[in-house]
């Protein structure tokens, strides 16, 4: 299955095609830099495709399909980053039997650059996560979880900076409150900190202290809700300096990435790629030779 939906959003007000001083001709003359961002979320141990039957998701998803898509895109593009927004665990017998080892081995083979933790990633307890984590050759970003005095202390990062083709990408996370979703015995002394406050503080640090060109938040808050529960849309509208929110938790299939204005009236892209690995999210981001963001194109494949 292939679904292609595109969104173009500009970072400079003077970039509309053929209508302004910057102009498409000048864009083409510029030494453009392109960054391709691939993302998944909530794949819930879906190692194999769904069974071939008459169900809605028949023969969709699965790690092999995703690996093939990622490999194809990497052969076509120079600067590719790959992220996951949490809930890697739980959903098939593979997790019950291997405890997350297989999921992390597959993600390592696919070359993930980073992931964050969702509530179901605590389903094996903190001991279970630690045991499986040795098979993960990528970083876990947990900006607003405080693991002090737990066995996960020092095993995740508050942020990460990646240099991708000369573009300095800052990475942070916004994680969901575990109380009410996860048994207290599973997350133990983990402290939940305000995701909006922590995300803004970290984004400010990445932008103004580390001079990042593009800032991404891996979120497991959920896309949006009918009540006042904090969500990706809420975070985007109350954020500063975040350019892209890659979401999870609500298993949202989007027709196109969303645009939300932040506190300063700047557009923040919010995206999520359903669940179970049925789709792979993709965002192509373009910068000028001074590494200023120009525009992006989003799709789900």
C-alpha atoms as a PDB file:
ATOM      1  CA  UNK A   1       0.000   0.000   0.000  1.00  0.00           C
ATOM      2  CA  UNK A   2       1.216   3.484  -0.798  1.00  0.00           C
ATOM      3  CA  UNK A   3      -0.390   6.728   0.221  1.00  0.00           C
ATOM      4  CA  UNK A   4       1.228  10.010  -0.843  1.00  0.00           C
ATOM      5  CA  UNK A   5       0.096  13.281   0.640  1.00  0.00           C
ATOM      6  CA  UNK A   6       2.130  16.439   0.316  1.00  0.00           C
ATOM      7  CA  UNK A   7       2.488  19.582   2.350  1.00  0.00           C
ATOM      8  CA  UNK A   8       4.714  22.510   1.418  1.00  0.00           C
ATOM      9  CA  UNK A   9       5.357  25.079   4.084  1.00  0.00           C
ATOM     10  CA  UNK A  10       7.727  27.990   3.730  1.00  0.00           C
ATOM     11  CA  UNK A  11      10.144  29.351   6.261  1.00  0.00           C
ATOM     12  CA  UNK A  12      10.680  32.660   4.462  1.00  0.00           C
ATOM     13  CA  UNK A  13       7.716  34.847   3.591  1.00  0.00           C
ATOM     14  CA  UNK A  14       9.364  35.757   0.279  1.00  0.00           C
ATOM     15  CA  UNK A  15       9.453  32.293  -1.226  1.00  0.00           C
ATOM     16  CA  UNK A  16       6.048  31.938  -2.930  1.00  0.00           C
ATOM     17  CA  UNK A  17       6.679  30.763  -6.464  1.00  0.00           C
ATOM     18  CA  UNK A  18       6.892  33.453  -9.119  1.00  0.00           C
ATOM     19  CA  UNK A  19       5.343  36.183  -6.970  1.00  0.00           C
ATOM     20  CA  UNK A  20       8.175  37.847  -5.130  1.00  0.00           C
ATOM     21  CA  UNK A  21      11.740  39.117  -5.059  1.00  0.00           C
ATOM     22  CA  UNK A  22      13.245  35.848  -3.870  1.00  0.00           C
ATOM     23  CA  UNK A  23      11.591  33.881  -6.662  1.00  0.00           C
ATOM     24  CA  UNK A  24      11.899  30.337  -7.953  1.00  0.00           C
ATOM     25  CA  UNK A  25      14.774  31.267 -10.250  1.00  0.00           C
ATOM     26  CA  UNK A  26      16.825  32.498  -7.337  1.00  0.00           C
ATOM     27  CA  UNK A  27      15.935  29.388  -5.343  1.00  0.00           C
ATOM     28  CA  UNK A  28      17.227  27.150  -8.107  1.00  0.00           C
ATOM     29  CA  UNK A  29      20.425  29.186  -8.319  1.00  0.00           C
ATOM     30  CA  UNK A  30      21.003  28.762  -4.594  1.00  0.00           C
ATOM     31  CA  UNK A  31      23.106  25.931  -3.264  1.00  0.00           C
ATOM     32  CA  UNK A  32      20.190  24.216  -1.548  1.00  0.00           C
ATOM     33  CA  UNK A  33      20.706  21.752   1.274  1.00  0.00           C
ATOM     34  CA  UNK A  34      18.158  18.962   1.649  1.00  0.00           C
ATOM     35  CA  UNK A  35      17.447  16.922   4.748  1.00  0.00           C
ATOM     36  CA  UNK A  36      15.183  13.858   4.571  1.00  0.00           C
ATOM     37  CA  UNK A  37      13.529  12.915   7.864  1.00  0.00           C
ATOM     38  CA  UNK A  38      11.878   9.491   8.174  1.00  0.00           C
ATOM     39  CA  UNK A  39       9.725   8.627  11.164  1.00  0.00           C
ATOM     40  CA  UNK A  40       7.652   5.887  12.770  1.00  0.00           C
ATOM     41  CA  UNK A  41       5.611   5.561  15.940  1.00  0.00           C
ATOM     42  CA  UNK A  42       3.531   3.008  17.821  1.00  0.00           C
ATOM     43  CA  UNK A  43       4.660   0.019  15.844  1.00  0.00           C
ATOM     44  CA  UNK A  44       3.807  -2.146  18.863  1.00  0.00           C
ATOM     45  CA  UNK A  45       6.026  -5.142  18.113  1.00  0.00           C
ATOM     46  CA  UNK A  46       4.461  -5.606  14.668  1.00  0.00           C
ATOM     47  CA  UNK A  47       7.388  -7.642  13.332  1.00  0.00           C
ATOM     48  CA  UNK A  48       5.401  -9.391  10.612  1.00  0.00           C
ATOM     49  CA  UNK A  49       2.659  -7.884   8.434  1.00  0.00           C
ATOM     50  CA  UNK A  50      -0.933  -8.309   9.529  1.00  0.00           C
ATOM     51  CA  UNK A  51      -2.407 -11.656   8.404  1.00  0.00           C
ATOM     52  CA  UNK A  52      -3.581 -11.955   4.820  1.00  0.00           C
ATOM     53  CA  UNK A  53      -7.319 -12.030   5.317  1.00  0.00           C
ATOM     54  CA  UNK A  54     -10.286  -9.740   4.786  1.00  0.00           C
ATOM     55  CA  UNK A  55      -9.449  -7.456   7.695  1.00  0.00           C
ATOM     56  CA  UNK A  56      -8.783  -3.734   7.318  1.00  0.00           C
ATOM     57  CA  UNK A  57      -5.007  -4.044   7.693  1.00  0.00           C
ATOM     58  CA  UNK A  58      -4.544  -7.270   5.752  1.00  0.00           C
ATOM     59  CA  UNK A  59      -0.882  -7.771   4.756  1.00  0.00           C
ATOM     60  CA  UNK A  60       0.062  -4.252   5.873  1.00  0.00           C
ATOM     61  CA  UNK A  61       2.884  -3.220   8.177  1.00  0.00           C
ATOM     62  CA  UNK A  62       5.785  -5.364   9.236  1.00  0.00           C
ATOM     63  CA  UNK A  63       9.491  -4.706   9.695  1.00  0.00           C
ATOM     64  CA  UNK A  64      10.607  -6.077   6.315  1.00  0.00           C
ATOM     65  CA  UNK A  65       8.489  -3.619   4.329  1.00  0.00           C
ATOM     66  CA  UNK A  66       9.736  -0.709   6.410  1.00  0.00           C
ATOM     67  CA  UNK A  67      13.372  -1.789   6.083  1.00  0.00           C
ATOM     68  CA  UNK A  68      12.961  -1.985   2.309  1.00  0.00           C
ATOM     69  CA  UNK A  69      11.493   1.514   2.098  1.00  0.00           C
ATOM     70  CA  UNK A  70      14.210   2.973   4.323  1.00  0.00           C
ATOM     71  CA  UNK A  71      16.945   1.318   2.300  1.00  0.00           C
ATOM     72  CA  UNK A  72      15.452   2.584  -0.973  1.00  0.00           C
ATOM     73  CA  UNK A  73      15.211   6.162   0.296  1.00  0.00           C
ATOM     74  CA  UNK A  74      18.766   6.081   1.639  1.00  0.00           C
ATOM     75  CA  UNK A  75      20.007   5.068  -1.799  1.00  0.00           C
ATOM     76  CA  UNK A  76      18.141   7.999  -3.352  1.00  0.00           C
ATOM     77  CA  UNK A  77      18.959  10.725  -0.806  1.00  0.00           C
ATOM     78  CA  UNK A  78      22.212  11.946   0.733  1.00  0.00           C
ATOM     79  CA  UNK A  79      21.165  13.163   4.187  1.00  0.00           C
ATOM     80  CA  UNK A  80      18.608  10.869   5.820  1.00  0.00           C
ATOM     81  CA  UNK A  81      17.624  10.764   9.494  1.00  0.00           C
ATOM     82  CA  UNK A  82      15.366   8.106  11.021  1.00  0.00           C
ATOM     83  CA  UNK A  83      13.405   8.539  14.275  1.00  0.00           C
ATOM     84  CA  UNK A  84      10.726   6.771  16.329  1.00  0.00           C
ATOM     85  CA  UNK A  85       8.213   8.448  18.652  1.00  0.00           C
ATOM     86  CA  UNK A  86       7.625   5.612  21.104  1.00  0.00           C
ATOM     87  CA  UNK A  87       5.479   2.585  21.923  1.00  0.00           C
ATOM     88  CA  UNK A  88       7.928   0.263  20.262  1.00  0.00           C
ATOM     89  CA  UNK A  89       6.866  -2.535  22.633  1.00  0.00           C
ATOM     90  CA  UNK A  90       3.682  -4.547  23.200  1.00  0.00           C
ATOM     91  CA  UNK A  91       1.111  -5.881  20.785  1.00  0.00           C
ATOM     92  CA  UNK A  92       2.291  -9.262  19.470  1.00  0.00           C
ATOM     93  CA  UNK A  93       3.728 -12.448  21.008  1.00  0.00           C
ATOM     94  CA  UNK A  94       7.181 -11.373  19.854  1.00  0.00           C
ATOM     95  CA  UNK A  95       7.301  -8.907  22.732  1.00  0.00           C
ATOM     96  CA  UNK A  96       5.898 -11.419  25.205  1.00  0.00           C
ATOM     97  CA  UNK A  97       8.599 -13.918  24.277  1.00  0.00           C
ATOM     98  CA  UNK A  98      11.661 -11.741  23.547  1.00  0.00           C
ATOM     99  CA  UNK A  99      10.898  -8.768  25.805  1.00  0.00           C
ATOM    100  CA  UNK A 100      11.861  -6.110  23.252  1.00  0.00           C
ATOM    101  CA  UNK A 101      15.170  -7.611  22.145  1.00  0.00           C
ATOM    102  CA  UNK A 102      13.952  -8.324  18.618  1.00  0.00           C
ATOM    103  CA  UNK A 103      12.410  -4.883  18.166  1.00  0.00           C
ATOM    104  CA  UNK A 104      15.643  -3.131  19.134  1.00  0.00           C
ATOM    105  CA  UNK A 105      17.775  -5.425  16.988  1.00  0.00           C
ATOM    106  CA  UNK A 106      15.617  -4.684  13.957  1.00  0.00           C
ATOM    107  CA  UNK A 107      15.646  -0.937  14.589  1.00  0.00           C
ATOM    108  CA  UNK A 108      19.428  -1.046  14.969  1.00  0.00           C
ATOM    109  CA  UNK A 109      19.720  -2.896  11.660  1.00  0.00           C
ATOM    110  CA  UNK A 110      17.517  -0.254  10.028  1.00  0.00           C
ATOM    111  CA  UNK A 111      19.836   2.454  11.320  1.00  0.00           C
ATOM    112  CA  UNK A 112      17.574   4.495  13.600  1.00  0.00           C
ATOM    113  CA  UNK A 113      19.255   7.676  14.813  1.00  0.00           C
ATOM    114  CA  UNK A 114      17.122   8.120  17.935  1.00  0.00           C
ATOM    115  CA  UNK A 115      13.797   7.279  19.560  1.00  0.00           C
ATOM    116  CA  UNK A 116      11.779   8.335  22.553  1.00  0.00           C
ATOM    117  CA  UNK A 117       9.850   6.212  25.045  1.00  0.00           C
ATOM    118  CA  UNK A 118       6.100   5.709  25.053  1.00  0.00           C
ATOM    119  CA  UNK A 119       4.003   4.375  27.909  1.00  0.00           C
ATOM    120  CA  UNK A 120       4.036   0.814  26.533  1.00  0.00           C
ATOM    121  CA  UNK A 121       7.815   0.810  26.530  1.00  0.00           C
ATOM    122  CA  UNK A 122       7.475   0.405  30.305  1.00  0.00           C
ATOM    123  CA  UNK A 123       5.306  -2.726  29.985  1.00  0.00           C
ATOM    124  CA  UNK A 124       8.258  -4.961  30.783  1.00  0.00           C
ATOM    125  CA  UNK A 125       9.166  -2.739  33.690  1.00  0.00           C
ATOM    126  CA  UNK A 126      12.310  -0.661  33.908  1.00  0.00           C
ATOM    127  CA  UNK A 127      14.344  -3.827  34.337  1.00  0.00           C
ATOM    128  CA  UNK A 128      12.883  -5.215  31.126  1.00  0.00           C
ATOM    129  CA  UNK A 129      13.673  -2.047  29.206  1.00  0.00           C
ATOM    130  CA  UNK A 130      17.227  -1.984  30.505  1.00  0.00           C
ATOM    131  CA  UNK A 131      17.711  -5.638  29.561  1.00  0.00           C
ATOM    132  CA  UNK A 132      16.519  -5.037  25.995  1.00  0.00           C
ATOM    133  CA  UNK A 133      18.288  -1.710  25.584  1.00  0.00           C
ATOM    134  CA  UNK A 134      21.690  -3.345  25.125  1.00  0.00           C
ATOM    135  CA  UNK A 135      20.458  -4.376  21.657  1.00  0.00           C
ATOM    136  CA  UNK A 136      19.632  -0.775  20.689  1.00  0.00           C
ATOM    137  CA  UNK A 137      22.450   0.943  18.791  1.00  0.00           C
ATOM    138  CA  UNK A 138      20.686   4.287  18.959  1.00  0.00           C
ATOM    139  CA  UNK A 139      19.885   6.882  21.620  1.00  0.00           C
ATOM    140  CA  UNK A 140      16.685   7.312  23.595  1.00  0.00           C
ATOM    141  CA  UNK A 141      15.675  10.931  24.217  1.00  0.00           C
ATOM    142  CA  UNK A 142      13.579  11.572  27.352  1.00  0.00           C
ATOM    143  CA  UNK A 143      13.608  15.299  28.064  1.00  0.00           C
ATOM    144  CA  UNK A 144      10.825  15.370  30.655  1.00  0.00           C
ATOM    145  CA  UNK A 145      11.325  12.020  32.388  1.00  0.00           C
ATOM    146  CA  UNK A 146      13.644  12.226  35.372  1.00  0.00           C
ATOM    147  CA  UNK A 147      15.204   8.799  35.974  1.00  0.00           C
ATOM    148  CA  UNK A 148      17.295   9.864  38.981  1.00  0.00           C
ATOM    149  CA  UNK A 149      17.723   6.997  41.463  1.00  0.00           C
ATOM    150  CA  UNK A 150      16.350   4.430  39.017  1.00  0.00           C
ATOM    151  CA  UNK A 151      18.122   1.767  36.965  1.00  0.00           C
ATOM    152  CA  UNK A 152      17.594   3.894  33.826  1.00  0.00           C
ATOM    153  CA  UNK A 153      19.518   6.851  35.239  1.00  0.00           C
ATOM    154  CA  UNK A 154      22.147   7.839  32.696  1.00  0.00           C
ATOM    155  CA  UNK A 155      20.822   5.425  30.070  1.00  0.00           C
ATOM    156  CA  UNK A 156      18.794   8.011  28.139  1.00  0.00           C
ATOM    157  CA  UNK A 157      19.567  11.558  26.977  1.00  0.00           C
ATOM    158  CA  UNK A 158      17.787  14.856  27.529  1.00  0.00           C
ATOM    159  CA  UNK A 159      18.743  15.986  24.034  1.00  0.00           C
ATOM    160  CA  UNK A 160      20.890  15.093  21.063  1.00  0.00           C
ATOM    161  CA  UNK A 161      22.579  17.102  18.323  1.00  0.00           C
ATOM    162  CA  UNK A 162      23.152  15.575  14.893  1.00  0.00           C
ATOM    163  CA  UNK A 163      25.147  17.085  12.037  1.00  0.00           C
ATOM    164  CA  UNK A 164      23.428  16.004   8.833  1.00  0.00           C
ATOM    165  CA  UNK A 165      25.111  17.272   5.688  1.00  0.00           C
ATOM    166  CA  UNK A 166      26.146  20.494   7.386  1.00  0.00           C
ATOM    167  CA  UNK A 167      22.711  21.073   8.970  1.00  0.00           C
ATOM    168  CA  UNK A 168      22.854  21.092  12.764  1.00  0.00           C
ATOM    169  CA  UNK A 169      19.743  19.269  13.994  1.00  0.00           C
ATOM    170  CA  UNK A 170      18.705  19.529  17.638  1.00  0.00           C
ATOM    171  CA  UNK A 171      16.589  16.739  19.077  1.00  0.00           C
ATOM    172  CA  UNK A 172      14.432  16.734  22.233  1.00  0.00           C
ATOM    173  CA  UNK A 173      11.329  14.908  23.450  1.00  0.00           C
ATOM    174  CA  UNK A 174       7.924  15.429  25.038  1.00  0.00           C
ATOM    175  CA  UNK A 175       6.783  12.352  26.943  1.00  0.00           C
ATOM    176  CA  UNK A 176       3.387  11.393  28.261  1.00  0.00           C
ATOM    177  CA  UNK A 177       2.487  11.174  31.938  1.00  0.00           C
ATOM    178  CA  UNK A 178       2.782   7.550  33.035  1.00  0.00           C
ATOM    179  CA  UNK A 179       0.418   7.682  36.009  1.00  0.00           C
ATOM    180  CA  UNK A 180      -2.920   6.196  34.969  1.00  0.00           C
ATOM    181  CA  UNK A 181      -1.419   4.487  31.925  1.00  0.00           C
ATOM    182  CA  UNK A 182       1.301   2.379  33.492  1.00  0.00           C
ATOM    183  CA  UNK A 183       1.362   0.581  36.819  1.00  0.00           C
ATOM    184  CA  UNK A 184       3.471   2.418  39.387  1.00  0.00           C
ATOM    185  CA  UNK A 185       5.538  -0.725  40.011  1.00  0.00           C
ATOM    186  CA  UNK A 186       6.682  -0.612  36.386  1.00  0.00           C
ATOM    187  CA  UNK A 187       8.021   2.955  36.274  1.00  0.00           C
ATOM    188  CA  UNK A 188       8.967   3.153  39.987  1.00  0.00           C
ATOM    189  CA  UNK A 189      10.642   6.455  41.001  1.00  0.00           C
ATOM    190  CA  UNK A 190      10.468   8.008  37.541  1.00  0.00           C
ATOM    191  CA  UNK A 191       9.478  11.672  37.862  1.00  0.00           C
ATOM    192  CA  UNK A 192       7.236  13.243  35.238  1.00  0.00           C
ATOM    193  CA  UNK A 193       8.096  16.863  34.442  1.00  0.00           C
ATOM    194  CA  UNK A 194       5.987  19.397  32.559  1.00  0.00           C
ATOM    195  CA  UNK A 195       6.515  18.563  28.854  1.00  0.00           C
ATOM    196  CA  UNK A 196       5.821  22.067  27.520  1.00  0.00           C
ATOM    197  CA  UNK A 197       8.113  23.798  29.998  1.00  0.00           C
ATOM    198  CA  UNK A 198      10.908  21.287  29.524  1.00  0.00           C
ATOM    199  CA  UNK A 199      10.546  21.261  25.725  1.00  0.00           C
ATOM    200  CA  UNK A 200      10.718  25.052  25.539  1.00  0.00           C
ATOM    201  CA  UNK A 201      13.706  25.209  27.871  1.00  0.00           C
ATOM    202  CA  UNK A 202      15.556  22.587  25.863  1.00  0.00           C
ATOM    203  CA  UNK A 203      14.628  24.124  22.504  1.00  0.00           C
ATOM    204  CA  UNK A 204      15.945  27.476  23.706  1.00  0.00           C
ATOM    205  CA  UNK A 205      19.216  25.826  24.726  1.00  0.00           C
ATOM    206  CA  UNK A 206      19.542  24.003  21.396  1.00  0.00           C
ATOM    207  CA  UNK A 207      18.775  27.136  19.395  1.00  0.00           C
ATOM    208  CA  UNK A 208      20.636  29.816  21.300  1.00  0.00           C
ATOM    209  CA  UNK A 209      23.471  27.975  23.059  1.00  0.00           C
ATOM    210  CA  UNK A 210      24.221  25.212  20.555  1.00  0.00           C
ATOM    211  CA  UNK A 211      23.167  27.166  17.438  1.00  0.00           C
ATOM    212  CA  UNK A 212      21.051  24.387  15.933  1.00  0.00           C
ATOM    213  CA  UNK A 213      19.571  25.116  12.504  1.00  0.00           C
ATOM    214  CA  UNK A 214      16.513  22.872  12.895  1.00  0.00           C
ATOM    215  CA  UNK A 215      14.882  21.564  16.076  1.00  0.00           C
ATOM    216  CA  UNK A 216      12.810  18.376  16.246  1.00  0.00           C
ATOM    217  CA  UNK A 217      10.682  17.160  19.130  1.00  0.00           C
ATOM    218  CA  UNK A 218       9.937  13.428  19.391  1.00  0.00           C
ATOM    219  CA  UNK A 219       6.604  13.389  21.164  1.00  0.00           C
ATOM    220  CA  UNK A 220       4.466  10.686  22.712  1.00  0.00           C
ATOM    221  CA  UNK A 221       1.781  13.068  23.951  1.00  0.00           C
ATOM    222  CA  UNK A 222      -0.815  12.308  21.265  1.00  0.00           C
ATOM    223  CA  UNK A 223      -1.854  14.436  18.297  1.00  0.00           C
ATOM    224  CA  UNK A 224      -4.833  16.289  19.834  1.00  0.00           C
ATOM    225  CA  UNK A 225      -7.791  15.755  22.161  1.00  0.00           C
ATOM    226  CA  UNK A 226     -11.295  17.123  22.630  1.00  0.00           C
ATOM    227  CA  UNK A 227     -10.469  18.076  26.214  1.00  0.00           C
ATOM    228  CA  UNK A 228      -7.614  20.152  27.635  1.00  0.00           C
ATOM    229  CA  UNK A 229      -5.195  17.229  27.879  1.00  0.00           C
ATOM    230  CA  UNK A 230      -1.761  18.282  26.665  1.00  0.00           C
ATOM    231  CA  UNK A 231      -1.126  17.182  23.069  1.00  0.00           C
ATOM    232  CA  UNK A 232       1.204  17.808  20.143  1.00  0.00           C
ATOM    233  CA  UNK A 233      -1.063  20.592  18.927  1.00  0.00           C
ATOM    234  CA  UNK A 234      -1.034  22.152  22.410  1.00  0.00           C
ATOM    235  CA  UNK A 235       2.743  21.880  22.588  1.00  0.00           C
ATOM    236  CA  UNK A 236       3.169  23.397  19.131  1.00  0.00           C
ATOM    237  CA  UNK A 237       0.909  26.369  19.917  1.00  0.00           C
ATOM    238  CA  UNK A 238       2.768  27.090  23.173  1.00  0.00           C
ATOM    239  CA  UNK A 239       6.257  26.413  21.864  1.00  0.00           C
ATOM    240  CA  UNK A 240       9.236  28.514  20.855  1.00  0.00           C
ATOM    241  CA  UNK A 241      12.071  27.412  18.568  1.00  0.00           C
ATOM    242  CA  UNK A 242      10.637  23.945  17.766  1.00  0.00           C
ATOM    243  CA  UNK A 243      10.348  23.412  14.003  1.00  0.00           C
ATOM    244  CA  UNK A 244       8.926  19.887  13.809  1.00  0.00           C
ATOM    245  CA  UNK A 245       6.976  17.634  16.172  1.00  0.00           C
ATOM    246  CA  UNK A 246       7.036  13.924  15.317  1.00  0.00           C
ATOM    247  CA  UNK A 247       4.206  12.419  17.315  1.00  0.00           C
ATOM    248  CA  UNK A 248       2.808   9.166  18.584  1.00  0.00           C
ATOM    249  CA  UNK A 249       0.368   7.614  21.102  1.00  0.00           C
ATOM    250  CA  UNK A 250      -2.952   8.382  19.374  1.00  0.00           C
ATOM    251  CA  UNK A 251      -2.232   6.157  16.320  1.00  0.00           C
ATOM    252  CA  UNK A 252      -3.262   9.038  14.076  1.00  0.00           C
ATOM    253  CA  UNK A 253      -3.282   8.534  10.306  1.00  0.00           C
ATOM    254  CA  UNK A 254      -2.920  11.995   8.818  1.00  0.00           C
ATOM    255  CA  UNK A 255      -3.814  13.040   5.283  1.00  0.00           C
ATOM    256  CA  UNK A 256      -0.979  15.549   5.477  1.00  0.00           C
ATOM    257  CA  UNK A 257       1.268  16.970   8.192  1.00  0.00           C
ATOM    258  CA  UNK A 258      -0.396  19.715  10.202  1.00  0.00           C
ATOM    259  CA  UNK A 259       0.731  23.328  10.598  1.00  0.00           C
ATOM    260  CA  UNK A 260       0.302  25.053  13.963  1.00  0.00           C
ATOM    261  CA  UNK A 261       1.360  28.602  14.797  1.00  0.00           C
ATOM    262  CA  UNK A 262       3.585  28.878  17.850  1.00  0.00           C
ATOM    263  CA  UNK A 263       3.721  31.709  20.393  1.00  0.00           C
ATOM    264  CA  UNK A 264       5.669  33.873  17.970  1.00  0.00           C
ATOM    265  CA  UNK A 265       3.392  33.185  15.005  1.00  0.00           C
ATOM    266  CA  UNK A 266       5.866  30.820  13.367  1.00  0.00           C
ATOM    267  CA  UNK A 267       4.624  27.602  11.754  1.00  0.00           C
ATOM    268  CA  UNK A 268       5.410  24.332  13.507  1.00  0.00           C
ATOM    269  CA  UNK A 269       4.940  21.113  11.537  1.00  0.00           C
ATOM    270  CA  UNK A 270       3.125  18.336  13.434  1.00  0.00           C
ATOM    271  CA  UNK A 271       3.137  14.832  11.972  1.00  0.00           C
ATOM    272  CA  UNK A 272       2.315  11.255  12.965  1.00  0.00           C
ATOM    273  CA  UNK A 273       2.401   8.034  10.938  1.00  0.00           C
ATOM    274  CA  UNK A 274      -0.503   5.934  12.233  1.00  0.00           C
ATOM    275  CA  UNK A 275       0.630   2.764  13.949  1.00  0.00           C
ATOM    276  CA  UNK A 276       1.972  -0.787  13.457  1.00  0.00           C
ATOM    277  CA  UNK A 277       4.408   0.318  10.780  1.00  0.00           C
ATOM    278  CA  UNK A 278       1.596   0.499   8.233  1.00  0.00           C
ATOM    279  CA  UNK A 279       3.076   3.764   6.972  1.00  0.00           C
ATOM    280  CA  UNK A 280       6.497   5.372   7.043  1.00  0.00           C
ATOM    281  CA  UNK A 281       6.462   9.117   7.536  1.00  0.00           C
ATOM    282  CA  UNK A 282       8.743  11.280   5.427  1.00  0.00           C
ATOM    283  CA  UNK A 283       9.558  14.975   5.486  1.00  0.00           C
ATOM    284  CA  UNK A 284      11.990  16.569   3.015  1.00  0.00           C
ATOM    285  CA  UNK A 285      13.325  19.825   4.444  1.00  0.00           C
ATOM    286  CA  UNK A 286      15.181  22.409   2.358  1.00  0.00           C
ATOM    287  CA  UNK A 287      17.672  25.035   3.518  1.00  0.00           C
ATOM    288  CA  UNK A 288      19.600  27.755   1.695  1.00  0.00           C
ATOM    289  CA  UNK A 289      23.394  27.974   1.648  1.00  0.00           C
ATOM    290  CA  UNK A 290      23.292  29.928   4.921  1.00  0.00           C
ATOM    291  CA  UNK A 291      21.354  27.015   6.453  1.00  0.00           C
ATOM    292  CA  UNK A 292      18.145  29.014   6.764  1.00  0.00           C
ATOM    293  CA  UNK A 293      14.997  26.908   6.549  1.00  0.00           C
ATOM    294  CA  UNK A 294      13.151  27.451   3.263  1.00  0.00           C
ATOM    295  CA  UNK A 295      10.336  24.917   2.921  1.00  0.00           C
ATOM    296  CA  UNK A 296       9.374  21.292   3.555  1.00  0.00           C
ATOM    297  CA  UNK A 297       7.404  18.579   1.793  1.00  0.00           C
ATOM    298  CA  UNK A 298       5.701  15.826   3.775  1.00  0.00           C
ATOM    299  CA  UNK A 299       4.304  12.444   2.779  1.00  0.00           C
ATOM    300  CA  UNK A 300       3.384   9.021   4.151  1.00  0.00           C
ATOM    301  CA  UNK A 301       4.434   5.925   2.210  1.00  0.00           C
END
